[in-house]
């Protein structure tokens, strides 16, 4: 999915997956058992 077609530069998008979906972007891996909360696309 090309998020640029659905968002503006001011938008934040969080995608949670089990494995990286691309090879040309940085992905941040969660730690084992780690839980994160996102509000408006930003981790809090």
PDB file of N, CA and C in Angstrom:
ATOM      1  N   UNK A   1       0.843  -1.169   0.000  1.00  0.00           N
ATOM      2  CA  UNK A   1       0.000   0.000   0.000  1.00  0.00           C
ATOM      3  C   UNK A   1       0.888   1.230   0.000  1.00  0.00           C
ATOM      4  N   UNK A   2       0.565   2.178  -0.838  1.00  0.00           N
ATOM      5  CA  UNK A   2       1.297   3.446  -0.887  1.00  0.00           C
ATOM      6  C   UNK A   2       0.551   4.455  -0.019  1.00  0.00           C
ATOM      7  N   UNK A   3       1.063   4.662   1.206  1.00  0.00           N
ATOM      8  CA  UNK A   3       0.386   5.567   2.128  1.00  0.00           C
ATOM      9  C   UNK A   3       0.368   7.003   1.612  1.00  0.00           C
ATOM     10  N   UNK A   4       1.286   7.359   0.745  1.00  0.00           N
ATOM     11  CA  UNK A   4       1.318   8.716   0.190  1.00  0.00           C
ATOM     12  C   UNK A   4       0.044   9.032  -0.587  1.00  0.00           C
ATOM     13  N   UNK A   5      -0.612   8.027  -1.087  1.00  0.00           N
ATOM     14  CA  UNK A   5      -1.868   8.234  -1.822  1.00  0.00           C
ATOM     15  C   UNK A   5      -3.044   8.499  -0.885  1.00  0.00           C
ATOM     16  N   UNK A   6      -2.885   8.179   0.409  1.00  0.00           N
ATOM     17  CA  UNK A   6      -3.995   8.249   1.354  1.00  0.00           C
ATOM     18  C   UNK A   6      -3.745   9.199   2.522  1.00  0.00           C
ATOM     19  N   UNK A   7      -2.545   9.771   2.596  1.00  0.00           N
ATOM     20  CA  UNK A   7      -2.175  10.625   3.722  1.00  0.00           C
ATOM     21  C   UNK A   7      -1.515  11.905   3.239  1.00  0.00           C
ATOM     22  N   UNK A   8      -1.322  12.824   4.164  1.00  0.00           N
ATOM     23  CA  UNK A   8      -0.579  14.053   3.863  1.00  0.00           C
ATOM     24  C   UNK A   8       0.742  14.009   4.622  1.00  0.00           C
ATOM     25  N   UNK A   9       1.699  14.887   4.306  1.00  0.00           N
ATOM     26  CA  UNK A   9       2.988  14.881   5.020  1.00  0.00           C
ATOM     27  C   UNK A   9       2.848  15.116   6.527  1.00  0.00           C
ATOM     28  N   UNK A  10       1.757  15.708   6.972  1.00  0.00           N
ATOM     29  CA  UNK A  10       1.559  15.965   8.404  1.00  0.00           C
ATOM     30  C   UNK A  10       0.985  14.750   9.143  1.00  0.00           C
ATOM     31  N   UNK A  11       0.491  13.760   8.420  1.00  0.00           N
ATOM     32  CA  UNK A  11      -0.092  12.570   9.038  1.00  0.00           C
ATOM     33  C   UNK A  11       0.985  11.651   9.588  1.00  0.00           C
ATOM     34  N   UNK A  12       0.607  10.864  10.591  1.00  0.00           N
ATOM     35  CA  UNK A  12       1.470   9.817  11.132  1.00  0.00           C
ATOM     36  C   UNK A  12       0.758   8.493  10.897  1.00  0.00           C
ATOM     37  N   UNK A  13       1.520   7.481  10.539  1.00  0.00           N
ATOM     38  CA  UNK A  13       0.956   6.162  10.277  1.00  0.00           C
ATOM     39  C   UNK A  13       1.782   5.128  11.017  1.00  0.00           C
ATOM     40  N   UNK A  14       1.123   4.235  11.728  1.00  0.00           N
ATOM     41  CA  UNK A  14       1.804   3.132  12.398  1.00  0.00           C
ATOM     42  C   UNK A  14       1.317   1.832  11.771  1.00  0.00           C
ATOM     43  N   UNK A  15       2.251   0.995  11.339  1.00  0.00           N
ATOM     44  CA  UNK A  15       1.930  -0.306  10.769  1.00  0.00           C
ATOM     45  C   UNK A  15       2.587  -1.354  11.652  1.00  0.00           C
ATOM     46  N   UNK A  16       1.792  -2.239  12.212  1.00  0.00           N
ATOM     47  CA  UNK A  16       2.316  -3.289  13.082  1.00  0.00           C
ATOM     48  C   UNK A  16       2.216  -4.600  12.314  1.00  0.00           C
ATOM     49  N   UNK A  17       3.375  -5.232  12.094  1.00  0.00           N
ATOM     50  CA  UNK A  17       3.443  -6.469  11.316  1.00  0.00           C
ATOM     51  C   UNK A  17       4.367  -7.461  12.011  1.00  0.00           C
ATOM     52  N   UNK A  18       4.342  -8.697  11.562  1.00  0.00           N
ATOM     53  CA  UNK A  18       5.195  -9.712  12.180  1.00  0.00           C
ATOM     54  C   UNK A  18       6.568  -9.804  11.525  1.00  0.00           C
ATOM     55  N   UNK A  19       6.724  -9.187  10.341  1.00  0.00           N
ATOM     56  CA  UNK A  19       8.005  -9.175   9.638  1.00  0.00           C
ATOM     57  C   UNK A  19       8.045  -7.928   8.758  1.00  0.00           C
ATOM     58  N   UNK A  20       9.226  -7.352   8.519  1.00  0.00           N
ATOM     59  CA  UNK A  20       9.317  -6.171   7.652  1.00  0.00           C
ATOM     60  C   UNK A  20       8.664  -6.419   6.290  1.00  0.00           C
ATOM     61  N   UNK A  21       7.971  -5.410   5.786  1.00  0.00           N
ATOM     62  CA  UNK A  21       7.276  -5.536   4.511  1.00  0.00           C
ATOM     63  C   UNK A  21       8.092  -5.002   3.339  1.00  0.00           C
ATOM     64  N   UNK A  22       9.120  -4.218   3.630  1.00  0.00           N
ATOM     65  CA  UNK A  22       9.945  -3.627   2.578  1.00  0.00           C
ATOM     66  C   UNK A  22      11.415  -3.791   2.946  1.00  0.00           C
ATOM     67  N   UNK A  23      12.292  -3.565   1.967  1.00  0.00           N
ATOM     68  CA  UNK A  23      13.730  -3.651   2.229  1.00  0.00           C
ATOM     69  C   UNK A  23      14.402  -2.285   2.167  1.00  0.00           C
ATOM     70  N   UNK A  24      13.683  -1.267   1.709  1.00  0.00           N
ATOM     71  CA  UNK A  24      14.293   0.055   1.534  1.00  0.00           C
ATOM     72  C   UNK A  24      13.833   1.072   2.577  1.00  0.00           C
ATOM     73  N   UNK A  25      13.250   0.596   3.686  1.00  0.00           N
ATOM     74  CA  UNK A  25      12.798   1.482   4.757  1.00  0.00           C
ATOM     75  C   UNK A  25      13.244   0.915   6.097  1.00  0.00           C
ATOM     76  N   UNK A  26      13.378   1.798   7.085  1.00  0.00           N
ATOM     77  CA  UNK A  26      13.777   1.365   8.428  1.00  0.00           C
ATOM     78  C   UNK A  26      12.569   0.813   9.180  1.00  0.00           C
ATOM     79  N   UNK A  27      12.733  -0.348   9.783  1.00  0.00           N
ATOM     80  CA  UNK A  27      11.691  -0.961  10.603  1.00  0.00           C
ATOM     81  C   UNK A  27      12.234  -1.112  12.010  1.00  0.00           C
ATOM     82  N   UNK A  28      11.409  -0.849  13.011  1.00  0.00           N
ATOM     83  CA  UNK A  28      11.807  -0.968  14.410  1.00  0.00           C
ATOM     84  C   UNK A  28      11.147  -2.202  15.007  1.00  0.00           C
ATOM     85  N   UNK A  29      11.958  -3.149  15.442  1.00  0.00           N
ATOM     86  CA  UNK A  29      11.434  -4.394  16.000  1.00  0.00           C
ATOM     87  C   UNK A  29      11.066  -4.202  17.465  1.00  0.00           C
ATOM     88  N   UNK A  30       9.912  -4.717  17.864  1.00  0.00           N
ATOM     89  CA  UNK A  30       9.530  -4.736  19.280  1.00  0.00           C
ATOM     90  C   UNK A  30      10.343  -5.812  19.981  1.00  0.00           C
ATOM     91  N   UNK A  31      10.572  -5.621  21.270  1.00  0.00           N
ATOM     92  CA  UNK A  31      11.221  -6.649  22.071  1.00  0.00           C
ATOM     93  C   UNK A  31      10.240  -7.765  22.392  1.00  0.00           C
ATOM     94  N   UNK A  32      10.749  -8.921  22.775  1.00  0.00           N
ATOM     95  CA  UNK A  32       9.883 -10.049  23.138  1.00  0.00           C
ATOM     96  C   UNK A  32       8.962  -9.646  24.285  1.00  0.00           C
ATOM     97  N   UNK A  33       7.664  -9.812  24.115  1.00  0.00           N
ATOM     98  CA  UNK A  33       6.681  -9.468  25.142  1.00  0.00           C
ATOM     99  C   UNK A  33       6.401  -7.991  25.282  1.00  0.00           C
ATOM    100  N   UNK A  34       7.000  -7.174  24.428  1.00  0.00           N
ATOM    101  CA  UNK A  34       6.835  -5.721  24.522  1.00  0.00           C
ATOM    102  C   UNK A  34       5.471  -5.294  23.987  1.00  0.00           C
ATOM    103  N   UNK A  35       4.860  -4.333  24.634  1.00  0.00           N
ATOM    104  CA  UNK A  35       3.588  -3.769  24.220  1.00  0.00           C
ATOM    105  C   UNK A  35       3.779  -2.274  24.043  1.00  0.00           C
ATOM    106  N   UNK A  36       3.302  -1.723  22.945  1.00  0.00           N
ATOM    107  CA  UNK A  36       3.369  -0.280  22.710  1.00  0.00           C
ATOM    108  C   UNK A  36       1.964   0.247  22.474  1.00  0.00           C
ATOM    109  N   UNK A  37       1.750   1.485  22.900  1.00  0.00           N
ATOM    110  CA  UNK A  37       0.466   2.152  22.677  1.00  0.00           C
ATOM    111  C   UNK A  37       0.726   3.305  21.731  1.00  0.00           C
ATOM    112  N   UNK A  38      -0.136   3.442  20.721  1.00  0.00           N
ATOM    113  CA  UNK A  38      -0.015   4.503  19.730  1.00  0.00           C
ATOM    114  C   UNK A  38      -1.229   5.406  19.825  1.00  0.00           C
ATOM    115  N   UNK A  39      -0.971   6.714  19.823  1.00  0.00           N
ATOM    116  CA  UNK A  39      -2.035   7.717  19.789  1.00  0.00           C
ATOM    117  C   UNK A  39      -1.775   8.602  18.596  1.00  0.00           C
ATOM    118  N   UNK A  40      -2.724   8.667  17.692  1.00  0.00           N
ATOM    119  CA  UNK A  40      -2.600   9.468  16.457  1.00  0.00           C
ATOM    120  C   UNK A  40      -1.312   9.118  15.706  1.00  0.00           C
ATOM    121  N   UNK A  41      -0.959   7.836  15.685  1.00  0.00           N
ATOM    122  CA  UNK A  41       0.203   7.379  14.912  1.00  0.00           C
ATOM    123  C   UNK A  41       1.532   7.470  15.624  1.00  0.00           C
ATOM    124  N   UNK A  42       1.573   8.023  16.833  1.00  0.00           N
ATOM    125  CA  UNK A  42       2.831   8.169  17.566  1.00  0.00           C
ATOM    126  C   UNK A  42       2.825   7.253  18.796  1.00  0.00           C
ATOM    127  N   UNK A  43       3.947   6.590  19.035  1.00  0.00           N
ATOM    128  CA  UNK A  43       4.070   5.761  20.243  1.00  0.00           C
ATOM    129  C   UNK A  43       4.117   6.658  21.469  1.00  0.00           C
ATOM    130  N   UNK A  44       3.382   6.260  22.502  1.00  0.00           N
ATOM    131  CA  UNK A  44       3.375   7.022  23.761  1.00  0.00           C
ATOM    132  C   UNK A  44       3.801   6.129  24.904  1.00  0.00           C
TER     133      UNK A  44
END
